[in-house]
Amino acid sequence: MSSFQSLLLLRREERWPVFSGCAAGFAVLGAYYLLKPLRDEVFVGDRAVGAELWTGTFLLALLLHPVYGMLVARVRRERVLPILFRAAALLLVGLYWLLHRVPEPETVGPWLEQAGSFWSGRWVQGEQGWQLLQGSRIWLQRGFYVAVSVFNLYLISALWSALIERFEGPSSRRLFGLLAAGGSLGAIAGSALVAVAFDSWGSGPFLLLAAGLLEFSLHALRSAGACQARAPMHGSSFEGLGLVWRHPRLRLLGVYILFFTLGSTWLYFLTADLLKVHLPLKVDRVRFFSGVHLVTNVLTLGIQIGLVGRLMSSRGLLPGLVLLPLVSLVGFTSLAFAPLLSVLFAFNVLRASSRYALAKPAREALYVGLEPRDVYKAKNFLDAALYRGGDLVSGWAFQGASALIVSGGAALTLLVLPFMATSVGVAWRLGREADHALPDPKEDQG
């Protein structure tokens, strides 16, 4: 082996399949990170209805759950990914067309809103007069937020389900970090392009580019051997819930995900509130988010290439699972006592890096050893329905806490600390149980 191949721990016969899997991850995550800064800015700009946006996201995820389950149960698996990815690409093209057809909210005459009326809060004083905040374009932007939030979960979950099935066995711990690195490269490219080109391009071209990347990802997955002909996975669309409930490791993973979504929601809402105050301009908020994503993924890539495979092979899954809640605990404590943009930026970067570089590959490795049909259906439930359900409950909890705690962000931040401390214990137990149950990585002499 060359020194570089030794670093990557690749065998000769693994090179092309792993390279193709990395290319697929590059395309899917690249598409998502072209859209993620735009999506996040919609949330900050429309913060007054933040909890409602998350409710819409959960309802769409709940609506699509049986549809996806029926697709997996009745359609041959080599056709599932093309249907799913091309449906998302068509949606993006449709959104592009609508954004160019629907005008910005019209400026109207000097309307005066009456306190307590239906129109209260739906008009804003603009430079040319009063503007309606509930126009078609506003709702289109909200639809964009909800659609991107839901489809990214299904696409990324389906991507990893295919890669898990293709690269299962003792080598999975060694290869999953490298496969995730392909996604990080795509995320870096997408974030960097948004940061550089948003001022001159606007939002539209990123939608078309993301649609093209989704099509490319299908070809890469076929090249990796992850779209081979296989029979449909018969069964109920709601089997994922039963599988998770009956399987102790998956049940504990579900608890881990709920604590994770609580921390993510709390940080997301706190970030939106701070940016609304410190960065009132849309372009500055897009730059902030694209900067966070760019630094996050550069850091993530370095960890994935140089550390993750060796760490998971030698130390198991426990370190990767525990680090994320530990970073959350320290980060929220820091933000409570120093609510500065620099602290907010650093916390977002470090938490996301520990999530994508270590926790994500460790979480995916938890499915190794399960039947392919169980992987698809359990991941569908955990990554979409449970994930967005946790978001929904956490989002409304934040709204309720904000209404009750008038002292502001510091008290809200301290409120989540006991939950983050508990999540460390949950991660520790999950990691210990998984390391005892999964195949011994020493069997894989990479």
Protein backbone atom coordinates (compact mmCIF):
# COMPACT_ATOMS: atom_id res chain seq x y z
CA MET A 1 0.00 0.00 0.00
CA SER A 2 1.06 3.60 -0.55
CA SER A 3 1.17 5.85 2.49
CA PHE A 4 -2.07 7.54 1.41
CA GLN A 5 -3.83 4.22 0.88
CA SER A 6 -2.50 3.07 4.24
CA LEU A 7 -3.98 6.19 5.83
CA LEU A 8 -7.34 5.34 4.29
CA LEU A 9 -7.00 1.65 5.20
CA LEU A 10 -8.24 0.54 1.79
CA ARG A 11 -7.67 -2.79 0.11
CA ARG A 12 -7.20 -2.97 -3.64
CA GLU A 13 -10.64 -4.49 -4.30
CA GLU A 14 -12.31 -1.83 -2.15
CA ARG A 15 -10.93 1.20 -3.98
CA TRP A 16 -13.51 1.70 -6.73
CA PRO A 17 -16.65 0.79 -4.71
CA VAL A 18 -15.54 3.06 -1.85
CA PHE A 19 -14.60 5.87 -4.25
CA SER A 20 -18.02 5.60 -5.91
CA GLY A 21 -19.75 5.56 -2.51
CA CYS A 22 -17.81 8.68 -1.55
CA ALA A 23 -18.88 10.33 -4.82
CA ALA A 24 -22.52 9.55 -4.05
CA GLY A 25 -22.14 11.06 -0.59
CA PHE A 26 -20.42 14.09 -2.13
CA ALA A 27 -23.36 14.68 -4.46
CA VAL A 28 -26.15 14.19 -1.91
CA LEU A 29 -24.51 16.26 0.84
CA GLY A 30 -23.34 18.83 -1.70
CA ALA A 31 -26.94 19.28 -2.86
CA TYR A 32 -28.15 19.63 0.71
CA TYR A 33 -25.54 22.20 1.69
CA LEU A 34 -26.35 24.29 -1.34
CA LEU A 35 -29.84 24.59 0.13
CA LYS A 36 -29.22 24.50 3.89
CA PRO A 37 -27.98 28.12 4.34
CA LEU A 38 -30.96 29.35 2.30
CA ARG A 39 -33.34 27.21 4.37
CA ASP A 40 -31.87 28.37 7.69
CA GLU A 41 -32.14 32.02 6.67
CA VAL A 42 -35.84 31.53 5.93
CA PHE A 43 -36.28 30.37 9.53
CA VAL A 44 -34.46 33.42 10.96
CA GLY A 45 -36.36 35.82 8.71
CA ASP A 46 -39.68 34.17 9.63
CA ARG A 47 -38.80 33.50 13.29
CA ALA A 48 -42.24 34.56 14.56
CA VAL A 49 -43.73 31.37 13.13
CA GLY A 50 -40.72 29.14 13.86
CA ALA A 51 -42.66 26.54 15.84
CA GLU A 52 -45.35 26.44 13.16
CA LEU A 53 -42.68 25.76 10.51
CA TRP A 54 -41.46 22.80 12.56
CA THR A 55 -45.05 21.60 12.97
CA GLY A 56 -45.47 21.66 9.20
CA THR A 57 -42.18 19.80 8.82
CA PHE A 58 -43.33 17.07 11.21
CA LEU A 59 -46.73 16.73 9.53
CA LEU A 60 -45.14 16.33 6.11
CA ALA A 61 -42.69 13.76 7.50
CA LEU A 62 -45.61 11.90 9.10
CA LEU A 63 -47.55 12.00 5.83
CA LEU A 64 -44.62 10.68 3.81
CA HIS A 65 -43.74 7.92 6.29
CA PRO A 66 -46.37 5.41 5.05
CA VAL A 67 -45.69 6.44 1.44
CA TYR A 68 -41.99 5.66 1.80
CA GLY A 69 -42.81 2.44 3.67
CA MET A 70 -45.17 1.34 0.90
CA LEU A 71 -42.52 2.19 -1.72
CA VAL A 72 -39.91 0.04 0.04
CA ALA A 73 -42.39 -2.80 0.60
CA ARG A 74 -43.76 -3.03 -2.95
CA VAL A 75 -41.03 -1.81 -5.31
CA ARG A 76 -37.82 -3.62 -6.14
CA ARG A 77 -34.98 -1.99 -4.24
CA GLU A 78 -32.93 -1.02 -7.29
CA ARG A 79 -35.85 1.25 -8.25
CA VAL A 80 -36.51 2.80 -4.82
CA LEU A 81 -33.56 5.19 -4.84
CA PRO A 82 -34.18 6.50 -8.39
CA ILE A 83 -37.84 7.18 -7.56
CA LEU A 84 -36.96 8.95 -4.31
CA PHE A 85 -34.04 11.01 -5.62
CA ARG A 86 -35.74 12.03 -8.86
CA ALA A 87 -38.92 13.05 -7.02
CA ALA A 88 -36.77 15.37 -4.89
CA ALA A 89 -35.00 16.72 -7.99
CA LEU A 90 -38.34 17.44 -9.69
CA LEU A 91 -39.53 19.20 -6.55
CA LEU A 92 -36.46 21.47 -6.65
CA VAL A 93 -37.02 22.28 -10.32
CA GLY A 94 -40.67 23.08 -9.53
CA LEU A 95 -39.64 25.36 -6.66
CA TYR A 96 -37.20 27.14 -8.98
CA TRP A 97 -39.99 27.74 -11.50
CA LEU A 98 -42.38 29.01 -8.84
CA LEU A 99 -39.81 31.36 -7.31
CA HIS A 100 -39.43 33.00 -10.71
CA ARG A 101 -43.19 33.18 -11.27
CA VAL A 102 -44.33 34.47 -7.87
CA PRO A 103 -43.44 38.13 -7.24
CA GLU A 104 -42.25 39.64 -4.00
CA PRO A 105 -45.07 40.90 -1.68
CA GLU A 106 -46.65 43.97 -3.27
CA THR A 107 -46.37 47.38 -1.68
CA VAL A 108 -49.85 48.69 -0.98
CA GLY A 109 -51.45 51.80 0.40
CA PRO A 110 -51.04 53.17 3.93
CA TRP A 111 -53.04 50.47 5.70
CA LEU A 112 -53.29 50.80 9.46
CA GLU A 113 -53.46 47.59 11.42
CA GLN A 114 -55.74 47.35 14.43
CA ALA A 115 -54.42 45.65 17.57
CA GLY A 116 -56.05 42.27 18.07
CA SER A 117 -57.53 42.08 14.58
CA PHE A 118 -56.91 39.30 12.06
CA TRP A 119 -54.47 41.54 10.17
CA SER A 120 -52.43 42.39 13.27
CA GLY A 121 -48.82 41.33 12.72
CA ARG A 122 -49.43 40.52 9.06
CA TRP A 123 -48.30 43.90 7.74
CA VAL A 124 -44.94 45.59 7.98
CA GLN A 125 -43.95 49.19 7.30
CA GLY A 126 -41.71 49.24 4.21
CA GLU A 127 -39.90 52.05 2.46
CA GLN A 128 -42.75 52.51 -0.03
CA GLY A 129 -45.65 51.80 2.31
CA TRP A 130 -47.19 48.83 4.09
CA GLN A 131 -46.41 45.31 2.89
CA LEU A 132 -48.43 42.16 3.50
CA LEU A 133 -46.38 39.46 5.25
CA GLN A 134 -48.73 36.63 4.26
CA GLY A 135 -48.32 36.89 0.47
CA SER A 136 -47.78 33.96 -1.91
CA ARG A 137 -43.98 34.29 -1.91
CA ILE A 138 -43.85 34.14 1.89
CA TRP A 139 -45.79 30.89 1.83
CA LEU A 140 -43.60 29.59 -0.99
CA GLN A 141 -40.51 30.24 1.13
CA ARG A 142 -42.13 28.43 4.04
CA GLY A 143 -42.91 25.52 1.74
CA PHE A 144 -39.27 25.50 0.64
CA TYR A 145 -38.18 25.34 4.29
CA VAL A 146 -40.49 22.42 5.08
CA ALA A 147 -39.69 20.49 1.88
CA VAL A 148 -35.90 20.75 2.28
CA SER A 149 -36.14 19.82 5.99
CA VAL A 150 -38.08 16.64 5.24
CA PHE A 151 -36.54 15.45 2.00
CA ASN A 152 -32.98 15.77 3.26
CA LEU A 153 -33.80 13.25 5.99
CA TYR A 154 -35.28 10.72 3.57
CA LEU A 155 -32.51 11.17 0.99
CA ILE A 156 -29.64 10.92 3.47
CA SER A 157 -31.31 8.01 5.29
CA ALA A 158 -31.82 6.15 1.99
CA LEU A 159 -28.23 6.89 0.95
CA TRP A 160 -26.82 5.44 4.16
CA SER A 161 -29.19 2.46 4.06
CA ALA A 162 -27.80 1.56 0.63
CA LEU A 163 -24.20 2.06 1.75
CA ILE A 164 -24.72 0.03 4.94
CA GLU A 165 -26.09 -2.87 2.90
CA ARG A 166 -23.20 -2.60 0.42
CA PHE A 167 -20.37 -2.32 3.01
CA GLU A 168 -21.68 -4.40 5.90
CA GLY A 169 -19.51 -6.72 7.99
CA PRO A 170 -16.38 -6.25 10.14
CA SER A 171 -14.94 -3.74 7.63
CA SER A 172 -17.85 -1.36 8.20
CA ARG A 173 -16.19 0.46 11.11
CA ARG A 174 -13.06 0.95 9.03
CA LEU A 175 -14.88 2.25 5.95
CA PHE A 176 -17.80 4.28 7.31
CA GLY A 177 -15.63 7.22 8.34
CA LEU A 178 -14.15 7.37 4.83
CA LEU A 179 -17.58 7.10 3.20
CA ALA A 180 -18.78 9.94 5.42
CA ALA A 181 -15.75 11.97 4.31
CA GLY A 182 -17.12 11.98 0.76
CA GLY A 183 -20.23 13.67 2.11
CA SER A 184 -18.11 16.19 3.99
CA LEU A 185 -16.29 17.13 0.78
CA GLY A 186 -19.65 17.75 -0.86
CA ALA A 187 -20.80 19.81 2.12
CA ILE A 188 -17.61 21.91 1.92
CA ALA A 189 -18.10 22.52 -1.80
CA GLY A 190 -21.77 23.42 -1.37
CA SER A 191 -21.20 25.75 1.58
CA ALA A 192 -18.25 27.47 -0.12
CA LEU A 193 -20.21 28.05 -3.32
CA VAL A 194 -23.13 29.62 -1.44
CA ALA A 195 -20.75 31.85 0.53
CA VAL A 196 -19.04 33.06 -2.67
CA ALA A 197 -21.92 33.24 -5.15
CA PHE A 198 -25.08 34.07 -3.20
CA ASP A 199 -24.72 37.85 -3.62
CA SER A 200 -24.59 37.62 -7.40
CA TRP A 201 -26.66 34.50 -8.08
CA GLY A 202 -29.51 34.72 -5.60
CA SER A 203 -31.32 31.52 -4.59
CA GLY A 204 -32.57 30.08 -7.89
CA PRO A 205 -29.43 28.56 -9.47
CA PHE A 206 -28.65 26.60 -6.31
CA LEU A 207 -31.96 24.73 -6.65
CA LEU A 208 -31.12 23.59 -10.19
CA LEU A 209 -27.56 22.64 -9.27
CA ALA A 210 -28.83 20.59 -6.31
CA ALA A 211 -31.27 18.76 -8.61
CA GLY A 212 -28.41 17.87 -10.97
CA LEU A 213 -26.28 16.55 -8.11
CA LEU A 214 -29.08 14.23 -6.99
CA GLU A 215 -29.17 12.70 -10.47
CA PHE A 216 -25.40 12.26 -10.44
CA SER A 217 -25.58 10.51 -7.05
CA LEU A 218 -27.73 7.73 -8.54
CA HIS A 219 -25.05 6.92 -11.11
CA ALA A 220 -22.40 6.90 -8.38
CA LEU A 221 -24.44 4.51 -6.21
CA ARG A 222 -24.89 2.15 -9.15
CA SER A 223 -21.13 2.23 -9.75
CA ALA A 224 -20.56 1.37 -6.08
CA GLY A 225 -22.84 -1.64 -6.38
CA ALA A 226 -25.38 -0.15 -3.97
CA CYS A 227 -28.33 -0.26 -6.41
CA GLN A 228 -28.25 -3.93 -7.31
CA ALA A 229 -31.40 -5.85 -8.19
CA ARG A 230 -33.12 -7.04 -5.02
CA ALA A 231 -36.66 -8.08 -4.16
CA PRO A 232 -39.08 -5.66 -2.45
CA MET A 233 -39.08 -5.64 1.35
CA HIS A 234 -42.61 -6.84 2.02
CA GLY A 235 -44.44 -5.74 5.13
CA SER A 236 -46.31 -2.85 6.73
CA SER A 237 -45.11 0.73 6.33
CA PHE A 238 -45.28 1.09 10.13
CA GLU A 239 -43.06 -1.91 10.86
CA GLY A 240 -40.18 0.46 11.66
CA LEU A 241 -41.83 1.44 14.96
CA GLY A 242 -42.25 -2.20 15.97
CA LEU A 243 -38.67 -3.04 14.98
CA VAL A 244 -37.29 -0.21 17.08
CA TRP A 245 -39.45 -1.11 20.06
CA ARG A 246 -38.50 -4.80 20.00
CA HIS A 247 -34.76 -4.31 19.44
CA PRO A 248 -32.97 -3.08 22.61
CA ARG A 249 -30.12 -1.37 20.74
CA LEU A 250 -32.48 0.44 18.36
CA ARG A 251 -34.75 1.41 21.25
CA LEU A 252 -31.82 3.00 23.07
CA LEU A 253 -30.77 4.69 19.83
CA GLY A 254 -34.25 6.21 19.67
CA VAL A 255 -33.76 7.74 23.13
CA TYR A 256 -30.34 9.02 22.03
CA ILE A 257 -31.93 10.67 18.98
CA LEU A 258 -34.62 12.35 21.08
CA PHE A 259 -32.01 13.94 23.35
CA PHE A 260 -30.03 14.94 20.26
CA THR A 261 -33.05 16.64 18.68
CA LEU A 262 -33.72 18.53 21.90
CA GLY A 263 -30.19 19.95 21.88
CA SER A 264 -30.34 20.70 18.16
CA THR A 265 -33.69 22.48 18.45
CA TRP A 266 -32.61 24.54 21.43
CA LEU A 267 -29.43 25.66 19.67
CA TYR A 268 -31.30 26.34 16.41
CA PHE A 269 -33.86 28.61 18.07
CA LEU A 270 -31.24 30.38 20.20
CA THR A 271 -29.13 30.94 17.08
CA ALA A 272 -32.10 32.42 15.22
CA ASP A 273 -32.91 34.79 18.11
CA LEU A 274 -29.32 36.02 18.42
CA LEU A 275 -28.86 36.48 14.67
CA LYS A 276 -32.13 38.39 14.41
CA VAL A 277 -30.63 40.94 16.84
CA HIS A 278 -26.98 41.03 15.73
CA LEU A 279 -27.34 40.42 11.97
CA PRO A 280 -30.52 42.13 10.70
CA LEU A 281 -29.60 41.81 6.99
CA LYS A 282 -30.46 38.62 5.08
CA VAL A 283 -27.15 38.50 3.20
CA ASP A 284 -25.19 38.64 6.47
CA ARG A 285 -27.20 35.78 7.93
CA VAL A 286 -26.66 33.64 4.82
CA ARG A 287 -22.91 34.33 5.11
CA PHE A 288 -22.98 33.35 8.81
CA PHE A 289 -24.68 30.03 8.09
CA SER A 290 -22.53 29.22 5.06
CA GLY A 291 -19.43 30.11 7.12
CA VAL A 292 -20.50 27.77 9.92
CA HIS A 293 -21.14 24.96 7.44
CA LEU A 294 -17.84 25.53 5.62
CA VAL A 295 -15.65 25.52 8.76
CA THR A 296 -17.65 22.60 10.19
CA ASN A 297 -17.12 20.41 7.17
CA VAL A 298 -13.43 21.25 6.74
CA LEU A 299 -12.89 20.19 10.36
CA THR A 300 -15.14 17.17 9.90
CA LEU A 301 -13.27 16.03 6.80
CA GLY A 302 -9.90 16.09 8.56
CA ILE A 303 -11.28 14.01 11.43
CA GLN A 304 -13.02 11.54 9.12
CA ILE A 305 -9.98 10.85 6.95
CA GLY A 306 -7.32 10.78 9.66
CA LEU A 307 -9.07 9.51 12.77
CA VAL A 308 -12.53 7.97 12.53
CA GLY A 309 -11.69 4.62 10.93
CA ARG A 310 -8.80 3.96 13.33
CA LEU A 311 -10.77 5.19 16.36
CA MET A 312 -13.81 3.03 15.63
CA SER A 313 -11.63 0.00 14.87
CA SER A 314 -9.53 0.32 18.02
CA ARG A 315 -11.88 1.95 20.57
CA GLY A 316 -15.30 0.99 19.28
CA LEU A 317 -18.36 3.21 18.91
CA LEU A 318 -18.49 4.62 22.45
CA PRO A 319 -16.16 7.66 21.96
CA GLY A 320 -18.01 8.84 18.86
CA LEU A 321 -21.41 8.52 20.52
CA VAL A 322 -20.41 10.23 23.79
CA LEU A 323 -18.49 13.20 22.39
CA LEU A 324 -21.56 14.90 20.86
CA PRO A 325 -23.58 15.22 24.11
CA LEU A 326 -20.40 16.28 25.94
CA VAL A 327 -19.81 19.08 23.43
CA SER A 328 -23.48 20.07 23.79
CA LEU A 329 -23.20 20.24 27.57
CA VAL A 330 -20.06 22.41 27.47
CA GLY A 331 -21.37 24.56 24.60
CA PHE A 332 -24.70 25.43 26.19
CA THR A 333 -22.93 26.27 29.45
CA SER A 334 -20.56 28.62 27.59
CA LEU A 335 -23.40 30.23 25.64
CA ALA A 336 -25.39 30.85 28.83
CA PHE A 337 -22.59 32.96 30.33
CA ALA A 338 -21.24 34.49 27.09
CA PRO A 339 -24.04 34.94 24.49
CA LEU A 340 -21.69 36.36 21.83
CA LEU A 341 -21.65 35.75 18.07
CA SER A 342 -18.14 34.30 18.33
CA VAL A 343 -19.25 31.80 21.00
CA LEU A 344 -22.36 30.99 18.97
CA PHE A 345 -20.26 30.40 15.85
CA ALA A 346 -17.77 28.18 17.69
CA PHE A 347 -20.50 26.15 19.42
CA ASN A 348 -22.35 25.54 16.15
CA VAL A 349 -19.10 24.44 14.46
CA LEU A 350 -17.88 22.13 17.23
CA ARG A 351 -21.26 20.51 17.81
CA ALA A 352 -21.88 19.90 14.11
CA SER A 353 -18.32 18.60 13.62
CA SER A 354 -18.64 16.08 16.45
CA ARG A 355 -22.01 15.05 15.04
CA TYR A 356 -20.95 14.48 11.43
CA ALA A 357 -17.36 13.33 11.99
CA LEU A 358 -17.91 10.89 14.86
CA ALA A 359 -21.52 10.46 16.00
CA LYS A 360 -22.97 9.97 12.50
CA PRO A 361 -20.62 7.12 11.42
CA ALA A 362 -21.03 5.52 14.86
CA ARG A 363 -24.82 5.72 14.59
CA GLU A 364 -24.79 4.15 11.13
CA ALA A 365 -22.55 1.32 12.36
CA LEU A 366 -25.23 0.45 14.94
CA TYR A 367 -27.33 -1.04 12.12
CA VAL A 368 -24.64 -3.52 11.07
CA GLY A 369 -25.85 -7.10 11.49
CA LEU A 370 -29.52 -6.31 10.91
CA GLU A 371 -31.45 -7.62 7.93
CA PRO A 372 -31.55 -5.11 5.02
CA ARG A 373 -35.34 -4.76 5.27
CA ASP A 374 -34.99 -3.98 8.98
CA VAL A 375 -32.32 -1.36 8.26
CA TYR A 376 -34.47 0.48 5.72
CA LYS A 377 -37.62 0.45 7.84
CA ALA A 378 -36.00 1.18 11.20
CA LYS A 379 -33.92 4.03 9.73
CA ASN A 380 -37.02 5.43 8.04
CA PHE A 381 -38.80 5.61 11.39
CA LEU A 382 -35.82 6.85 13.44
CA ASP A 383 -34.35 9.31 10.94
CA ALA A 384 -37.62 10.82 9.73
CA ALA A 385 -40.68 10.28 11.94
CA LEU A 386 -38.97 10.15 15.35
CA TYR A 387 -36.38 12.80 14.44
CA ARG A 388 -38.98 15.31 13.24
CA GLY A 389 -41.33 14.37 16.07
CA GLY A 390 -38.56 15.22 18.52
CA ASP A 391 -38.05 18.50 16.68
CA LEU A 392 -41.74 19.30 16.96
CA VAL A 393 -41.99 18.67 20.70
CA SER A 394 -38.71 20.48 21.39
CA GLY A 395 -39.71 23.46 19.23
CA TRP A 396 -42.99 24.01 21.04
CA ALA A 397 -41.24 23.44 24.38
CA PHE A 398 -38.82 26.25 23.49
CA GLN A 399 -41.72 28.51 22.51
CA GLY A 400 -43.50 27.76 25.79
CA ALA A 401 -40.36 28.30 27.83
CA SER A 402 -39.70 31.59 26.01
CA ALA A 403 -43.17 32.81 26.94
CA LEU A 404 -42.73 31.87 30.61
CA ILE A 405 -39.11 32.95 31.10
CA VAL A 406 -39.01 36.69 30.48
CA SER A 407 -35.35 37.07 31.47
CA GLY A 408 -34.24 35.84 28.04
CA GLY A 409 -31.59 33.63 26.47
CA ALA A 410 -29.32 32.85 29.43
CA ALA A 411 -32.10 31.27 31.49
CA LEU A 412 -33.40 29.39 28.44
CA THR A 413 -29.92 28.03 27.80
CA LEU A 414 -29.46 26.88 31.41
CA LEU A 415 -32.82 25.12 31.25
CA VAL A 416 -31.53 22.54 28.77
CA LEU A 417 -28.35 21.61 30.69
CA PRO A 418 -29.86 18.78 32.83
CA PHE A 419 -31.12 17.10 29.67
CA MET A 420 -27.70 17.35 28.03
CA ALA A 421 -26.08 15.84 31.13
CA THR A 422 -28.55 12.94 31.01
CA SER A 423 -27.83 12.41 27.32
CA VAL A 424 -24.16 11.76 28.14
CA GLY A 425 -25.24 8.77 30.25
CA VAL A 426 -27.56 7.51 27.51
CA ALA A 427 -24.73 7.74 24.94
CA TRP A 428 -22.36 5.89 27.27
CA ARG A 429 -24.77 3.00 27.76
CA LEU A 430 -25.57 2.82 24.03
CA GLY A 431 -21.88 2.73 23.14
CA ARG A 432 -21.07 0.04 25.70
CA GLU A 433 -23.93 -2.20 24.59
CA ALA A 434 -23.13 -1.74 20.91
CA ASP A 435 -19.44 -2.53 21.33
CA HIS A 436 -20.34 -5.80 23.03
CA ALA A 437 -22.95 -6.80 20.43
CA LEU A 438 -21.42 -5.79 17.08
CA PRO A 439 -18.82 -7.79 15.09
CA ASP A 440 -15.27 -7.59 16.45
CA PRO A 441 -13.30 -5.20 14.20
CA LYS A 442 -10.17 -7.35 14.80
CA GLU A 443 -11.76 -9.89 12.43
CA ASP A 444 -11.16 -7.37 9.63
CA GLN A 445 -7.48 -7.27 8.78
CA GLY A 446 -7.58 -4.05 6.68
